[in-house]
Amino acid sequence: AQQGRIREKAYGKQKIYFADQEQLPAASDAELRRLDGEITALSSKVQALQQSCRQMEGELKDLTSSMTTPEVAREIEELRKDCANYTEKLERIKSATNHVTPEEKEKVCSEQKLYCKEWRRRKRMATELLDAILEGYPKSKKQFFEEVGIETDEDHNATLPA
């Protein structure tokens, strides 16, 4: 600072030292424009490199998350075994001799419809009868069912098929 190469500024008890810019050569307008152009070119180059880096990182992520060749070979082998097992199972089912004929199936379906219809009819009749009894009964419906020993479909989670 005494030789004049750097400057000194005092702020209270603190002193700050910095380069004396008056000793540096002044840049011309042409030089400043050239430096600004250089900064712009380098900034665009940095952006292009960052974009390329992001793209390569994405490709790397895709490649690391995909299966390797030995893993793919193992997966193909497992799928072929599964396919063979399913083919064998299909052949056993096709060759089975205990098929249900369409007539037997129709008979079972019609019987199910008949039984469901009867179930609904009897449930409706029982509900109407119990409602008539409960009109003059002094206690609750639940207490009446317990005293008489009535078990409902709901008690056993039984539902009518659609």
Protein backbone atom coordinates (compact mmCIF):
# COMPACT_ATOMS: atom_id res chain seq x y z
CA ALA A 1 0.00 0.00 0.00
CA GLN A 2 2.91 2.36 0.72
CA GLN A 3 4.46 1.56 -2.67
CA GLY A 4 1.11 2.23 -4.42
CA ARG A 5 0.56 -1.24 -5.89
CA ILE A 6 -2.56 -1.90 -3.82
CA ARG A 7 -5.06 0.42 -2.16
CA GLU A 8 -6.22 0.50 1.41
CA LYS A 9 -9.63 1.62 2.73
CA ALA A 10 -10.46 1.84 6.42
CA TYR A 11 -13.98 1.10 7.64
CA GLY A 12 -13.96 1.76 11.35
CA LYS A 13 -11.43 -0.61 12.89
CA GLN A 14 -11.26 -2.73 9.71
CA LYS A 15 -9.03 -2.16 6.72
CA ILE A 16 -9.68 -3.51 3.25
CA TYR A 17 -6.93 -3.96 0.67
CA PHE A 18 -7.62 -4.29 -3.07
CA ALA A 19 -5.76 -3.96 -6.38
CA ASP A 20 -5.28 -0.46 -7.70
CA GLN A 21 -7.13 -0.58 -11.01
CA GLU A 22 -5.76 2.75 -12.16
CA GLN A 23 -2.42 1.04 -12.80
CA LEU A 24 -4.05 -1.51 -15.14
CA PRO A 25 -4.30 -0.66 -18.84
CA ALA A 26 -7.78 0.53 -19.89
CA ALA A 27 -9.56 -1.66 -22.42
CA SER A 28 -10.96 -0.06 -25.55
CA ASP A 29 -14.57 -0.43 -26.68
CA ALA A 30 -13.50 -2.87 -29.39
CA GLU A 31 -11.67 -4.96 -26.80
CA LEU A 32 -14.76 -4.96 -24.51
CA ARG A 33 -17.04 -6.03 -27.39
CA ARG A 34 -14.62 -8.82 -28.29
CA LEU A 35 -14.59 -10.03 -24.66
CA ASP A 36 -18.42 -9.84 -24.50
CA GLY A 37 -18.65 -11.91 -27.69
CA GLU A 38 -16.21 -14.41 -26.24
CA ILE A 39 -18.28 -14.65 -23.05
CA THR A 40 -21.48 -15.21 -25.08
CA ALA A 41 -19.82 -17.92 -27.19
CA LEU A 42 -18.44 -19.68 -24.12
CA SER A 43 -21.83 -19.45 -22.33
CA SER A 44 -23.62 -21.07 -25.28
CA LYS A 45 -20.93 -23.75 -25.40
CA VAL A 46 -21.43 -24.43 -21.66
CA GLN A 47 -25.21 -24.72 -22.16
CA ALA A 48 -24.73 -27.13 -25.07
CA LEU A 49 -22.34 -29.26 -23.00
CA GLN A 50 -24.75 -29.27 -20.04
CA GLN A 51 -27.60 -30.37 -22.35
CA SER A 52 -25.42 -33.11 -23.79
CA CYS A 53 -24.45 -34.19 -20.27
CA ARG A 54 -28.12 -34.40 -19.19
CA GLN A 55 -28.93 -36.45 -22.28
CA MET A 56 -26.06 -38.85 -21.62
CA GLU A 57 -27.08 -39.16 -17.95
CA GLY A 58 -30.59 -40.08 -19.10
CA GLU A 59 -29.19 -42.73 -21.45
CA LEU A 60 -26.99 -44.07 -18.66
CA LYS A 61 -29.97 -44.28 -16.32
CA ASP A 62 -31.97 -46.17 -18.99
CA LEU A 63 -29.11 -48.58 -19.60
CA THR A 64 -28.49 -49.27 -15.91
CA SER A 65 -32.19 -49.87 -15.25
CA SER A 66 -32.59 -52.33 -18.14
CA MET A 67 -31.84 -56.03 -17.85
CA THR A 68 -28.45 -57.44 -18.74
CA THR A 69 -28.00 -60.19 -21.34
CA PRO A 70 -27.65 -63.03 -18.76
CA GLU A 71 -30.73 -61.74 -16.91
CA VAL A 72 -32.73 -61.69 -20.15
CA ALA A 73 -31.58 -65.25 -20.95
CA ARG A 74 -32.72 -66.43 -17.48
CA GLU A 75 -36.07 -64.65 -17.88
CA ILE A 76 -36.62 -66.25 -21.30
CA GLU A 77 -35.80 -69.69 -19.87
CA GLU A 78 -38.26 -69.19 -16.99
CA LEU A 79 -40.98 -68.07 -19.40
CA ARG A 80 -40.37 -71.11 -21.62
CA LYS A 81 -40.71 -73.40 -18.58
CA ASP A 82 -43.96 -71.66 -17.59
CA CYS A 83 -45.23 -71.97 -21.15
CA ALA A 84 -44.42 -75.69 -21.20
CA ASN A 85 -46.20 -76.20 -17.87
CA TYR A 86 -49.30 -74.37 -19.10
CA THR A 87 -49.29 -76.32 -22.37
CA GLU A 88 -49.10 -79.58 -20.42
CA LYS A 89 -51.93 -78.47 -18.14
CA LEU A 90 -54.04 -77.52 -21.17
CA GLU A 91 -53.45 -80.94 -22.76
CA ARG A 92 -54.52 -82.68 -19.51
CA ILE A 93 -57.70 -80.62 -19.41
CA LYS A 94 -58.45 -81.32 -23.08
CA SER A 95 -57.86 -85.03 -22.67
CA ALA A 96 -60.03 -85.34 -19.54
CA THR A 97 -63.06 -87.59 -20.06
CA ASN A 98 -65.30 -86.17 -17.34
CA HIS A 99 -66.71 -83.26 -19.35
CA VAL A 100 -70.09 -81.81 -18.46
CA THR A 101 -72.55 -82.02 -21.31
CA PRO A 102 -74.60 -78.96 -22.25
CA GLU A 103 -77.79 -80.78 -21.22
CA GLU A 104 -76.41 -81.49 -17.73
CA LYS A 105 -75.26 -77.88 -17.42
CA GLU A 106 -78.69 -76.57 -18.46
CA LYS A 107 -80.38 -78.91 -15.98
CA VAL A 108 -78.19 -77.69 -13.10
CA CYS A 109 -78.77 -74.03 -14.04
CA SER A 110 -82.55 -74.48 -14.22
CA GLU A 111 -82.56 -76.26 -10.83
CA GLN A 112 -80.53 -73.42 -9.31
CA LYS A 113 -83.02 -70.86 -10.66
CA LEU A 114 -85.92 -72.90 -9.24
CA TYR A 115 -84.30 -73.18 -5.80
CA CYS A 116 -83.42 -69.46 -5.71
CA LYS A 117 -86.98 -68.55 -6.67
CA GLU A 118 -88.31 -70.80 -3.89
CA TRP A 119 -85.80 -69.32 -1.41
CA ARG A 120 -86.99 -65.78 -2.21
CA ARG A 121 -90.66 -66.81 -1.92
CA ARG A 122 -90.17 -68.52 1.46
CA LYS A 123 -88.02 -65.68 2.80
CA ARG A 124 -90.72 -63.15 1.81
CA MET A 125 -93.44 -65.26 3.46
CA ALA A 126 -91.39 -65.64 6.68
CA THR A 127 -90.61 -61.91 6.78
CA GLU A 128 -94.30 -60.99 6.35
CA LEU A 129 -95.31 -63.45 9.08
CA LEU A 130 -92.64 -62.19 11.50
CA ASP A 131 -93.57 -58.55 10.81
CA ALA A 132 -97.20 -59.35 11.64
CA ILE A 133 -96.15 -60.99 14.93
CA LEU A 134 -93.80 -58.12 15.82
CA GLU A 135 -96.61 -55.53 15.49
CA GLY A 136 -98.04 -56.59 18.82
CA TYR A 137 -94.78 -57.76 20.44
CA PRO A 138 -93.54 -55.44 23.22
CA LYS A 139 -89.79 -56.12 22.78
CA SER A 140 -87.43 -55.50 19.88
CA LYS A 141 -87.10 -57.64 16.78
CA LYS A 142 -83.65 -58.84 17.85
CA GLN A 143 -84.91 -59.92 21.29
CA PHE A 144 -87.85 -61.78 19.67
CA PHE A 145 -85.51 -63.66 17.32
CA GLU A 146 -83.31 -64.67 20.27
CA GLU A 147 -86.28 -65.89 22.36
CA VAL A 148 -87.78 -67.93 19.54
CA GLY A 149 -84.40 -69.10 18.16
CA ILE A 150 -84.69 -67.69 14.64
CA GLU A 151 -81.52 -67.51 12.58
CA THR A 152 -81.55 -65.22 9.55
CA ASP A 153 -79.55 -65.33 6.32
CA GLU A 154 -77.68 -62.23 7.51
CA ASP A 155 -76.54 -64.05 10.68
CA HIS A 156 -74.73 -66.60 8.49
CA ASN A 157 -73.69 -64.14 5.73
CA ALA A 158 -75.81 -66.01 3.19
CA THR A 159 -76.91 -64.05 0.12
CA LEU A 160 -79.08 -64.98 -2.80
CA PRO A 161 -77.19 -65.47 -6.07
CA ALA A 162 -77.86 -62.85 -8.73
